[in-house]
Each structure stands twice: as C-alpha cells, then as structure tokens.
Amino acid sequence: MKILGIETSCDETAAAVVEGKKAGEYFTLRVLSNIISSQIDIHKQYGGVVPEVAAREHVLNIMPVIDSALKKAGLTRERAGKKLSAIAVATGPGLITSLIAGIETAKTLGYAWNLPLIGINHIEGHIYANFINANSKSQATNSKKISNTIKFPAIILTVSGGHTMLVSMNGHGKYQTLGETRDDAAGEAFDKAAQLMGVGYPGGPAVAAEAAKFQISDFRFQNYKKLSNSKVKNSQLKIALPRPMIDSPNFDFSFSGLKTALRYALDKDKNWKQKIPSYAYEFQQAVIDVLIHKTIKAAQKYNIKTIMLAGGVSANTELRKQFKEKIKTQIPHSAFYIPKLSYTTDNAAMIAAAAYFHALRKDFTPWKKIKVDCNAKLK
C-alpha cells in the first residue's frame, strides 16, 4: 500500500510517499520520498510565522513539492492514480490558511486520480514519526522499516512551537489527552526567549546553541541545588528561573510565566549580554525539567510500557539525553523512542505513516466531506 502524504499546517510545504505492508501481527513502513520546502528564511525577518505569507508560499510550492515526492518515489502524475492507494493530508490543528492549501490540493488530486482521502490530525502525525524510526533487534537500524515492537500502553510527549501535550495511547487510533499547555507551548517560549536575548530564529535551535557554550566542570542537571519545589539555581552565576507547574497535581503545562521571568531577570542584570550562554542554559534547563518530570510522573501513574517524544522540540539534544538518563534510572522497565531528526519537524512522511493505520481500518473521508479544523483535538 503506497500513500501520498501532504503537510501544510504551518510554514513547511511537505509531501511524501510511504509504502506500508502488513504480515500477520507485523508491519513494515518504507519512506520512498520525503520532500520539504521550508519557509524559515522568509519568516526569520519577522521573528515568527506570518500566516498570510505562509499561505501564499504554500500555493506556489505545493505542486512542485508533490511532483518531486512522486518522482523520487518512482511515480508520475499520470501513473499516480494507479500506483497509489490513498492520499493523506493534515487537516488540523494549524494555521487555517496554510491548511486550506494542502486540503484543497488533496481534494483535487483525490478527485482527479479517483483515490480515497485520509484526514490526519497534525499531532497524530507527530506521534507516528516515532513508528518510522522504530526497529526491533532483528532489524538493521538503517533498514527504514518498522515493526509493531512499540508496546502499549504508551505515553507521548508532543512538544513543538504550537503544542505541548501529554497523550496516552492504548492502541492505534486510541488516544487520551492527559495534559496540555494552558498558555505558551514550549517551542513558542523558546522563540520568545531567543527574541528577548537577541540570539536568532527559530528560537529552539538558537537557545540550544547558546546554552551549549555554557561550560562548568562537573556541572550536571542532577547536581543542581534545589531552592524550593519550583526553582533550582545555577549557584555559580546566581541565575534562578521558575519551573512552572512542576509540582502541580495534574499534567498540564505553562511556559508564559517562565518567559516573563526571563525578561525580568534580564531587565535587572545590566551585564546580561555578557552572560547569554548562562541565561540560555538556565531557560532551556527549566523547560527540560518540567517536561521530563511531568512525563515520568504520568508514566508511573499509568504503568506505561513505552515513552515517546514527538514534535520539533524533540530535536533538542539536551532534552533527548536527559530524558534517556531519567528513564533509565527512574522507570527502567519502560522503552524509550525518539524520532529520527528528519522526522521531528513538520513533514509529510509522518502524515502518510499515520494514514497507513487509518487505511488498515478502512477509515477514509470522501473528498466532498474532508475539511479544515484549525483547532482539531486528538481523538
């Protein structure tokens, strides 16, 4: 089964072809192509995504990107209708004008090629980025194949520019949202922190690059001296930022206050420009502390067998490393999956991968009924 995936939720125009096969309880997925046209350089001058600009770029790029994805997969527009089994498209959440570009293109191609459509929740796509990178011990790590070795129940921390949420997964298509952000998502907070410190855009990689410059011998996350239940302190540079909601009884997040705390700290420090790496390190660590603590707490409560990371912020090296260390020491019975870096940001391979499991359940949407839902909930 070959599926064309289309993703235009924000500022990446993406198309991919994924081939899925099932044999008994096992399945394999092979990514035949995964083409992305990024708009980072365009939006960098504004310090964030401008929806109207993003939508116009999608209109210009979407068919060339789809043609490139088909060509790399050994297909053409003329043969696509006979070689593909379905077209998958992200229907939300996301920017409404960006989503429309992808959905209208999918509807047109579905009608022209007489192919069924599969609407995919953008968050579900991020979750299935983990399945693309999953390998059993008997498989080569470069095989680009996956098997259903991911055990349920699983918990997924999806963390990106627009979303920060904890989701439990009891099987394919069986989700429950345990917690989500009440204000800023972690990725959005990174963008704003980077803007406050003037270190560049997008904020996540920019803050991480500055934080990596901060060097203290034998100084590690687990050696921080606690000041209170919600704060830790860099004792050498006397920088302390809050860990919002880290001790709350629920699994919700909040990063708006952390961003404000950083602004106040910079305002009080006349020499903060000489200390950017230390401020970046502390801000990044504050986010990491909350994300890891909440996820492990949820995993312990629900007896989770598998923990997964998803979304653009899952590319953060420190987050990956510290997550792995904490799981190893606190819940060693749980497996830990992290997407391949190329599947952490918005891409169409993850959309097509998620769609494969919908196709197995015959979960299609007629082209006349598929529509945008920019505030779509995972269900």
Protein backbone atom coordinates (compact mmCIF):
# COMPACT_ATOMS: atom_id res chain seq x y z
CA MET A 1 0.00 0.00 0.00
CA LYS A 2 1.51 3.32 -1.11
CA ILE A 3 0.21 6.55 0.37
CA LEU A 4 0.92 10.13 -0.68
CA GLY A 5 1.12 12.39 2.36
CA ILE A 6 0.65 16.18 2.29
CA GLU A 7 1.51 18.52 5.18
CA THR A 8 0.92 22.31 5.22
CA SER A 9 -0.06 23.01 8.82
CA CYS A 10 2.29 25.95 9.32
CA ASP A 11 5.24 27.12 7.23
CA GLU A 12 6.61 23.89 5.73
CA THR A 13 5.21 22.68 2.42
CA ALA A 14 5.78 18.93 2.50
CA ALA A 15 4.90 15.83 0.51
CA ALA A 16 5.99 12.22 0.93
CA VAL A 17 5.27 8.74 -0.35
CA VAL A 18 5.25 5.93 2.20
CA GLU A 19 4.79 2.24 1.44
CA GLY A 20 3.25 0.06 4.13
CA LYS A 21 2.96 -3.70 4.30
CA LYS A 22 1.38 -5.99 6.89
CA ALA A 23 2.13 -9.66 7.56
CA GLY A 24 0.22 -11.13 10.47
CA GLU A 25 0.94 -9.07 13.58
CA TYR A 26 3.88 -7.31 11.99
CA PHE A 27 4.07 -4.42 9.60
CA THR A 28 6.76 -2.53 7.74
CA LEU A 29 6.84 1.04 6.56
CA ARG A 30 9.25 2.30 3.93
CA VAL A 31 9.68 6.00 3.23
CA LEU A 32 10.08 6.26 -0.55
CA SER A 33 10.34 10.06 -0.52
CA ASN A 34 10.04 12.93 1.93
CA ILE A 35 10.29 16.41 0.39
CA ILE A 36 10.09 19.61 2.46
CA SER A 37 10.13 23.21 1.30
CA SER A 38 10.89 25.33 4.36
CA GLN A 39 9.98 29.00 4.79
CA ILE A 40 12.34 29.71 7.71
CA ASP A 41 14.44 32.21 5.78
CA ILE A 42 11.30 34.13 4.76
CA HIS A 43 9.81 34.39 8.26
CA LYS A 44 13.12 34.95 10.02
CA GLN A 45 12.98 38.66 9.22
CA TYR A 46 9.67 38.91 11.14
CA GLY A 47 10.76 36.81 14.13
CA GLY A 48 7.86 34.41 13.59
CA VAL A 49 5.45 32.96 11.06
CA VAL A 50 3.21 35.42 9.19
CA PRO A 51 0.08 33.41 8.23
CA GLU A 52 -0.72 35.30 5.02
CA VAL A 53 2.84 34.98 3.75
CA ALA A 54 2.94 31.29 4.65
CA ALA A 55 -0.30 30.61 2.76
CA ARG A 56 0.96 32.31 -0.42
CA GLU A 57 4.19 30.30 -0.30
CA HIS A 58 2.21 27.06 0.05
CA VAL A 59 0.22 27.87 -3.06
CA LEU A 60 3.43 28.49 -5.00
CA ASN A 61 5.29 25.44 -3.73
CA ILE A 62 2.80 22.66 -3.19
CA MET A 63 2.59 21.13 -6.68
CA PRO A 64 6.36 21.30 -7.31
CA VAL A 65 6.91 19.62 -3.93
CA ILE A 66 4.35 16.91 -4.72
CA ASP A 67 5.91 16.33 -8.14
CA SER A 68 9.33 15.98 -6.52
CA ALA A 69 7.98 13.49 -3.97
CA LEU A 70 6.33 11.43 -6.71
CA LYS A 71 9.45 11.50 -8.88
CA LYS A 72 11.73 10.39 -6.05
CA ALA A 73 9.32 7.54 -5.31
CA GLY A 74 9.43 6.46 -8.95
CA LEU A 75 5.98 7.83 -9.79
CA THR A 76 4.47 10.49 -12.05
CA ARG A 77 1.19 12.39 -12.02
CA GLU A 78 -0.03 10.24 -14.90
CA ARG A 79 0.66 6.96 -13.05
CA ALA A 80 -0.13 8.10 -9.52
CA GLY A 81 -3.80 7.15 -9.68
CA LYS A 82 -2.94 3.53 -10.44
CA LYS A 83 0.06 3.16 -8.14
CA LEU A 84 -1.16 4.95 -5.02
CA SER A 85 -3.75 3.54 -2.60
CA ALA A 86 -4.75 6.81 -0.91
CA ILE A 87 -3.87 10.46 -0.29
CA ALA A 88 -3.34 11.61 3.29
CA VAL A 89 -3.45 15.25 4.33
CA ALA A 90 -3.08 17.12 7.61
CA THR A 91 -6.46 18.70 8.45
CA GLY A 92 -5.51 20.45 11.71
CA PRO A 93 -4.61 21.84 14.13
CA GLY A 94 -2.65 24.58 12.44
CA LEU A 95 -2.96 27.85 10.57
CA ILE A 96 -6.26 27.82 8.71
CA THR A 97 -4.96 29.46 5.52
CA SER A 98 -1.99 27.08 5.40
CA LEU A 99 -4.15 24.02 6.00
CA ILE A 100 -6.56 25.05 3.22
CA ALA A 101 -3.73 24.94 0.67
CA GLY A 102 -2.97 21.33 1.50
CA ILE A 103 -6.54 20.13 1.82
CA GLU A 104 -7.79 21.72 -1.41
CA THR A 105 -4.84 20.21 -3.27
CA ALA A 106 -5.55 16.78 -1.77
CA LYS A 107 -9.24 17.05 -2.70
CA THR A 108 -8.42 17.98 -6.28
CA LEU A 109 -5.90 15.16 -6.71
CA GLY A 110 -8.22 12.68 -5.00
CA TYR A 111 -10.97 13.55 -7.45
CA ALA A 112 -8.69 13.55 -10.49
CA TRP A 113 -6.98 10.26 -9.59
CA ASN A 114 -10.10 8.62 -8.09
CA LEU A 115 -8.28 7.93 -4.82
CA PRO A 116 -9.70 7.91 -1.27
CA LEU A 117 -8.61 10.61 1.16
CA ILE A 118 -7.45 10.23 4.76
CA GLY A 119 -7.61 13.26 7.03
CA ILE A 120 -4.87 13.19 9.67
CA ASN A 121 -4.63 15.18 12.88
CA HIS A 122 -1.30 17.00 12.85
CA ILE A 123 -0.49 15.82 16.40
CA GLU A 124 -1.21 12.22 15.43
CA GLY A 125 1.27 12.66 12.60
CA HIS A 126 3.96 13.72 15.06
CA ILE A 127 3.21 10.65 17.18
CA TYR A 128 3.72 8.34 14.22
CA ALA A 129 7.10 9.88 13.47
CA ASN A 130 8.26 7.50 16.22
CA PHE A 131 6.97 4.48 14.35
CA ILE A 132 9.02 5.38 11.29
CA ASN A 133 12.17 5.19 13.37
CA ALA A 134 11.26 2.11 15.45
CA ASN A 135 13.31 -1.03 14.87
CA SER A 136 13.30 -4.43 16.51
CA LYS A 137 16.62 -6.02 17.49
CA SER A 138 16.48 -8.26 14.45
CA GLN A 139 16.31 -5.32 12.07
CA ALA A 140 19.16 -3.15 10.85
CA THR A 141 18.92 0.39 12.14
CA ASN A 142 19.22 1.74 8.61
CA SER A 143 16.57 -0.53 7.13
CA LYS A 144 13.89 2.19 7.15
CA LYS A 145 11.48 -0.49 8.36
CA ILE A 146 9.37 -0.60 11.47
CA SER A 147 7.54 -3.36 13.29
CA ASN A 148 4.87 -3.23 15.95
CA THR A 149 7.50 -3.63 18.67
CA ILE A 150 6.22 -0.45 20.32
CA LYS A 151 4.28 -1.75 23.29
CA PHE A 152 1.03 -0.29 24.55
CA PRO A 153 0.00 1.46 26.70
CA ALA A 154 2.34 4.22 25.59
CA ILE A 155 2.68 7.87 26.53
CA ILE A 156 3.78 10.57 24.11
CA LEU A 157 5.16 13.99 24.97
CA THR A 158 4.42 16.15 21.95
CA VAL A 159 6.33 19.39 22.20
CA SER A 160 6.63 21.95 19.43
CA GLY A 161 6.11 25.61 18.58
CA GLY A 162 2.35 25.33 18.77
CA HIS A 163 1.74 22.38 21.07
CA THR A 164 2.88 20.91 24.35
CA MET A 165 0.80 17.96 25.50
CA LEU A 166 0.93 14.54 27.09
CA VAL A 167 -1.08 11.84 25.34
CA SER A 168 -1.65 8.24 26.36
CA MET A 169 -2.02 5.70 23.56
CA ASN A 170 -3.65 2.33 24.18
CA GLY A 171 -3.52 1.17 20.58
CA HIS A 172 -3.57 2.55 17.06
CA GLY A 173 -6.15 5.33 16.96
CA LYS A 174 -6.84 5.10 20.70
CA TYR A 175 -5.76 8.33 22.39
CA GLN A 176 -6.42 10.20 25.62
CA THR A 177 -5.04 13.66 26.30
CA LEU A 178 -3.65 13.70 29.84
CA GLY A 179 -2.45 17.29 29.88
CA GLU A 180 -1.59 20.24 27.67
CA THR A 181 -0.30 23.78 27.88
CA ARG A 182 -2.52 26.44 29.38
CA ASP A 183 -0.76 29.25 27.53
CA ASP A 184 2.51 29.22 25.56
CA ALA A 185 3.80 25.98 24.11
CA ALA A 186 7.43 25.15 24.89
CA GLY A 187 8.57 25.88 21.34
CA GLU A 188 6.80 29.23 21.38
CA ALA A 189 8.50 30.04 24.68
CA PHE A 190 11.89 29.22 23.14
CA ASP A 191 11.12 31.58 20.25
CA LYS A 192 10.24 34.41 22.64
CA ALA A 193 13.26 33.74 24.85
CA ALA A 194 15.52 33.85 21.81
CA GLN A 195 13.93 37.15 20.79
CA LEU A 196 14.47 38.62 24.27
CA MET A 197 18.14 37.64 24.18
CA GLY A 198 18.56 38.55 20.51
CA VAL A 199 20.07 35.19 19.54
CA GLY A 200 18.10 34.41 16.38
CA TYR A 201 15.21 32.48 14.87
CA PRO A 202 13.91 29.79 15.16
CA GLY A 203 14.30 30.05 18.90
CA GLY A 204 14.75 26.41 19.90
CA PRO A 205 18.00 25.77 17.98
CA ALA A 206 19.24 29.31 18.72
CA VAL A 207 18.80 28.98 22.50
CA ALA A 208 20.26 25.46 22.45
CA ALA A 209 23.34 26.71 20.58
CA GLU A 210 23.93 29.43 23.18
CA ALA A 211 23.30 27.02 26.06
CA ALA A 212 25.89 24.64 24.65
CA LYS A 213 28.53 27.38 25.15
CA PHE A 214 27.88 27.35 28.89
CA GLN A 215 30.59 25.19 30.46
CA ILE A 216 31.03 24.37 34.13
CA SER A 217 33.19 21.40 35.13
CA ASP A 218 31.27 18.53 36.71
CA PHE A 219 28.08 20.60 36.47
CA ARG A 220 25.14 18.41 35.52
CA PHE A 221 21.38 18.57 35.74
CA GLN A 222 21.10 16.11 38.64
CA ASN A 223 23.64 18.11 40.70
CA TYR A 224 21.56 21.29 40.79
CA LYS A 225 20.94 22.56 44.32
CA LYS A 226 17.22 22.89 44.98
CA LEU A 227 15.96 26.19 46.29
CA SER A 228 12.27 25.23 46.51
CA ASN A 229 9.81 22.89 44.91
CA SER A 230 9.64 25.08 41.81
CA LYS A 231 13.11 26.57 41.46
CA VAL A 232 16.66 25.42 41.05
CA LYS A 233 19.70 27.64 40.97
CA ASN A 234 22.89 28.00 39.00
CA SER A 235 24.94 28.63 42.13
CA GLN A 236 28.00 29.93 40.29
CA LEU A 237 26.19 32.62 38.29
CA LYS A 238 23.23 33.11 40.65
CA ILE A 239 20.61 32.75 37.92
CA ALA A 240 17.31 31.22 39.03
CA LEU A 241 14.25 30.79 36.84
CA PRO A 242 10.99 29.06 37.89
CA ARG A 243 9.89 25.58 36.85
CA PRO A 244 6.20 26.41 36.17
CA MET A 245 3.64 23.88 37.43
CA ILE A 246 6.29 21.24 38.07
CA ASP A 247 4.63 20.35 41.38
CA SER A 248 1.00 20.69 40.29
CA PRO A 249 -1.11 17.54 40.77
CA ASN A 250 -2.17 17.49 37.11
CA PHE A 251 -0.24 17.01 33.87
CA ASP A 252 -0.81 20.47 32.37
CA PHE A 253 1.97 22.85 31.37
CA SER A 254 2.53 26.59 31.43
CA PHE A 255 5.52 28.43 29.95
CA SER A 256 4.27 32.01 29.71
CA GLY A 257 5.46 32.81 33.23
CA LEU A 258 8.91 31.38 32.51
CA LYS A 259 9.27 33.72 29.56
CA THR A 260 8.21 36.66 31.75
CA ALA A 261 10.66 35.62 34.48
CA LEU A 262 13.47 35.63 31.94
CA ARG A 263 12.51 39.13 30.82
CA TYR A 264 12.54 40.44 34.40
CA ALA A 265 15.89 38.75 35.07
CA LEU A 266 17.42 40.39 32.01
CA ASP A 267 15.97 43.77 32.94
CA LYS A 268 17.63 43.57 36.38
CA ASP A 269 21.02 42.48 35.06
CA LYS A 270 22.97 45.30 33.41
CA ASN A 271 25.57 42.84 32.15
CA TRP A 272 23.23 40.15 30.82
CA LYS A 273 24.59 40.40 27.27
CA GLN A 274 27.89 39.01 28.55
CA LYS A 275 26.03 36.12 30.19
CA ILE A 276 23.74 34.99 27.36
CA PRO A 277 25.00 31.37 27.39
CA SER A 278 24.21 31.04 31.10
CA TYR A 279 20.73 32.55 30.71
CA ALA A 280 20.09 30.30 27.70
CA TYR A 281 21.28 27.29 29.67
CA GLU A 282 19.03 28.07 32.63
CA PHE A 283 16.00 28.76 30.43
CA GLN A 284 16.49 25.57 28.46
CA GLN A 285 17.01 23.57 31.65
CA ALA A 286 13.84 24.98 33.19
CA VAL A 287 11.82 23.76 30.21
CA ILE A 288 13.54 20.36 30.23
CA ASP A 289 12.98 19.89 33.97
CA VAL A 290 9.23 20.42 33.64
CA LEU A 291 8.82 18.29 30.52
CA ILE A 292 10.71 15.31 31.93
CA HIS A 293 9.18 15.49 35.42
CA LYS A 294 5.60 15.62 34.14
CA THR A 295 6.12 12.82 31.63
CA ILE A 296 7.76 10.42 34.08
CA LYS A 297 5.13 11.19 36.70
CA ALA A 298 2.38 10.30 34.20
CA ALA A 299 4.22 7.18 33.03
CA GLN A 300 4.50 5.93 36.61
CA LYS A 301 0.84 6.63 37.37
CA TYR A 302 -0.48 4.80 34.30
CA ASN A 303 2.04 1.91 34.26
CA ILE A 304 3.27 2.89 30.82
CA LYS A 305 5.33 0.40 28.77
CA THR A 306 6.61 2.88 26.18
CA ILE A 307 7.53 6.57 26.30
CA MET A 308 7.84 8.57 23.09
CA LEU A 309 8.94 12.09 22.21
CA ALA A 310 7.43 13.98 19.28
CA GLY A 311 7.43 17.43 17.71
CA GLY A 312 10.07 19.95 16.75
CA VAL A 313 11.44 20.48 20.27
CA SER A 314 12.15 16.73 20.49
CA ALA A 315 15.20 17.50 18.33
CA ASN A 316 16.78 19.25 21.34
CA THR A 317 19.94 17.31 22.21
CA GLU A 318 19.84 18.01 25.94
CA LEU A 319 16.18 17.04 26.18
CA ARG A 320 16.91 13.71 24.47
CA LYS A 321 19.96 12.98 26.59
CA GLN A 322 18.43 13.88 29.94
CA PHE A 323 15.18 12.07 29.13
CA LYS A 324 17.11 8.90 28.41
CA GLU A 325 19.07 9.22 31.66
CA LYS A 326 15.99 9.83 33.78
CA ILE A 327 14.02 6.95 32.26
CA LYS A 328 16.95 4.62 32.78
CA THR A 329 17.17 5.43 36.48
CA GLN A 330 13.52 6.04 37.40
CA ILE A 331 11.45 3.76 35.16
CA PRO A 332 13.91 1.32 33.54
CA HIS A 333 11.11 -1.08 32.58
CA SER A 334 9.77 1.43 30.03
CA ALA A 335 11.04 1.56 26.45
CA PHE A 336 12.02 4.96 25.08
CA TYR A 337 11.56 6.05 21.47
CA ILE A 338 12.78 9.28 19.86
CA PRO A 339 12.05 10.23 16.23
CA LYS A 340 14.84 10.42 13.72
CA LEU A 341 15.84 14.09 13.49
CA SER A 342 14.46 14.43 9.96
CA TYR A 343 11.02 13.48 11.27
CA THR A 344 10.90 15.78 14.31
CA THR A 345 9.86 18.94 12.48
CA ASP A 346 6.75 19.15 10.29
CA ASN A 347 6.98 16.66 7.43
CA ALA A 348 4.68 14.59 5.26
CA ALA A 349 6.21 11.17 5.94
CA MET A 350 4.70 11.24 9.43
CA ILE A 351 1.29 12.13 7.94
CA ALA A 352 1.46 9.22 5.49
CA ALA A 353 2.71 6.86 8.24
CA ALA A 354 -0.26 7.70 10.46
CA ALA A 355 -2.59 7.35 7.48
CA TYR A 356 -1.40 3.79 6.84
CA PHE A 357 -3.04 2.65 10.09
CA HIS A 358 -6.23 4.51 9.22
CA ALA A 359 -6.23 2.75 5.85
CA LEU A 360 -5.95 -0.64 7.56
CA ARG A 361 -9.16 0.25 9.42
CA LYS A 362 -10.80 1.50 6.18
CA ASP A 363 -11.03 4.93 7.79
CA PHE A 364 -11.37 7.13 4.72
CA THR A 365 -13.06 10.51 4.19
CA PRO A 366 -14.91 11.33 0.93
CA TRP A 367 -13.29 14.26 -0.86
CA LYS A 368 -16.53 16.26 -0.60
CA LYS A 369 -16.56 15.97 3.20
CA ILE A 370 -12.94 16.48 4.21
CA LYS A 371 -12.41 19.92 5.73
CA VAL A 372 -10.10 22.12 7.76
CA ASP A 373 -10.27 22.13 11.55
CA CYS A 374 -7.60 24.55 12.75
CA ASN A 375 -8.43 23.74 16.40
CA ALA A 376 -8.71 19.98 15.91
CA LYS A 377 -8.49 17.79 19.01
CA LEU A 378 -6.78 14.44 19.07
CA LYS A 379 -9.38 11.71 19.47
